[in-house]
Amino acid sequence: MTQRIFFAHANGFPSGTYRKLFDSLAPDYSVTCLDLHGHDPRFPVDDNWQSLVQELL
């Protein structure tokens, strides 16, 4: 059974930057990524990152 990992990075690199890492986790893990976290104007970066929490949900 494959376990799922949800990956949300905390830097300016797109999730695809980590593809080699994600591929190395297969077949035991399936990685789902949030690309460009913190770049959506609907979820601005604010104190305590509350808007970014909403983006993840």
C-alpha atoms as a PDB file:
ATOM      1  CA  MET A   1       0.000   0.000   0.000  1.00  0.00           C
ATOM      2  CA  THR A   2       1.372   3.401  -1.011  1.00  0.00           C
ATOM      3  CA  GLN A   3       1.382   6.093   1.644  1.00  0.00           C
ATOM      4  CA  ARG A   4       0.612   9.657   0.645  1.00  0.00           C
ATOM      5  CA  ILE A   5       2.793  12.667   1.454  1.00  0.00           C
ATOM      6  CA  PHE A   6       1.506  16.206   0.998  1.00  0.00           C
ATOM      7  CA  PHE A   7       4.422  18.552   0.303  1.00  0.00           C
ATOM      8  CA  ALA A   8       4.209  22.314   0.786  1.00  0.00           C
ATOM      9  CA  HIS A   9       7.551  24.074   0.622  1.00  0.00           C
ATOM     10  CA  ALA A  10       8.470  27.223   2.516  1.00  0.00           C
ATOM     11  CA  ASN A  11      10.739  28.898   0.000  1.00  0.00           C
ATOM     12  CA  GLY A  12      10.512  30.518  -3.419  1.00  0.00           C
ATOM     13  CA  PHE A  13      11.294  27.388  -5.429  1.00  0.00           C
ATOM     14  CA  PRO A  14       8.470  25.621  -7.292  1.00  0.00           C
ATOM     15  CA  SER A  15       7.571  22.115  -6.147  1.00  0.00           C
ATOM     16  CA  GLY A  16       9.006  20.631  -9.344  1.00  0.00           C
ATOM     17  CA  THR A  17      12.459  21.477  -7.998  1.00  0.00           C
ATOM     18  CA  TYR A  18      12.020  18.574  -5.614  1.00  0.00           C
ATOM     19  CA  ARG A  19      10.902  16.047  -8.270  1.00  0.00           C
ATOM     20  CA  LYS A  20      14.097  13.977  -7.971  1.00  0.00           C
ATOM     21  CA  LEU A  21      13.481  13.612  -4.233  1.00  0.00           C
ATOM     22  CA  PHE A  22       9.824  12.716  -4.762  1.00  0.00           C
ATOM     23  CA  ASP A  23      10.706  10.143  -7.411  1.00  0.00           C
ATOM     24  CA  SER A  24      13.168   8.495  -5.033  1.00  0.00           C
ATOM     25  CA  LEU A  25      10.338   7.900  -2.553  1.00  0.00           C
ATOM     26  CA  ALA A  26       8.359   5.762  -5.001  1.00  0.00           C
ATOM     27  CA  PRO A  27       6.886   3.175  -4.902  1.00  0.00           C
ATOM     28  CA  ASP A  28       6.387   3.390  -1.135  1.00  0.00           C
ATOM     29  CA  TYR A  29       5.091   6.952  -1.170  1.00  0.00           C
ATOM     30  CA  SER A  30       2.936   9.064  -3.442  1.00  0.00           C
ATOM     31  CA  VAL A  31       3.748  12.775  -3.210  1.00  0.00           C
ATOM     32  CA  THR A  32       1.163  15.489  -3.818  1.00  0.00           C
ATOM     33  CA  CYS A  33       2.531  19.031  -4.065  1.00  0.00           C
ATOM     34  CA  LEU A  34       1.197  22.521  -3.645  1.00  0.00           C
ATOM     35  CA  ASP A  35       3.068  24.449  -6.317  1.00  0.00           C
ATOM     36  CA  LEU A  36       4.155  28.024  -5.614  1.00  0.00           C
ATOM     37  CA  HIS A  37       2.791  28.173  -2.075  1.00  0.00           C
ATOM     38  CA  GLY A  38       2.556  31.785  -0.915  1.00  0.00           C
ATOM     39  CA  HIS A  39       2.225  33.287  -4.403  1.00  0.00           C
ATOM     40  CA  ASP A  40      -1.571  33.320  -4.750  1.00  0.00           C
ATOM     41  CA  PRO A  41      -2.889  36.872  -4.179  1.00  0.00           C
ATOM     42  CA  ARG A  42      -6.055  35.410  -2.637  1.00  0.00           C
ATOM     43  CA  PHE A  43      -3.876  34.194   0.252  1.00  0.00           C
ATOM     44  CA  PRO A  44      -1.431  37.000   1.096  1.00  0.00           C
ATOM     45  CA  VAL A  45       1.500  36.445   3.421  1.00  0.00           C
ATOM     46  CA  ASP A  46       0.537  38.021   6.740  1.00  0.00           C
ATOM     47  CA  ASP A  47       1.454  37.876  10.410  1.00  0.00           C
ATOM     48  CA  ASN A  48       1.469  34.314  11.680  1.00  0.00           C
ATOM     49  CA  TRP A  49       0.798  33.009   8.125  1.00  0.00           C
ATOM     50  CA  GLN A  50      -2.938  32.562   8.728  1.00  0.00           C
ATOM     51  CA  SER A  51      -3.800  33.175   5.062  1.00  0.00           C
ATOM     52  CA  LEU A  52      -1.293  30.538   3.991  1.00  0.00           C
ATOM     53  CA  VAL A  53      -2.926  28.037   6.325  1.00  0.00           C
ATOM     54  CA  GLN A  54      -6.192  28.673   4.491  1.00  0.00           C
ATOM     55  CA  GLU A  55      -4.462  28.093   1.154  1.00  0.00           C
ATOM     56  CA  LEU A  56      -3.331  24.667   2.344  1.00  0.00           C
ATOM     57  CA  LEU A  57      -6.792  23.709   3.519  1.00  0.00           C
END
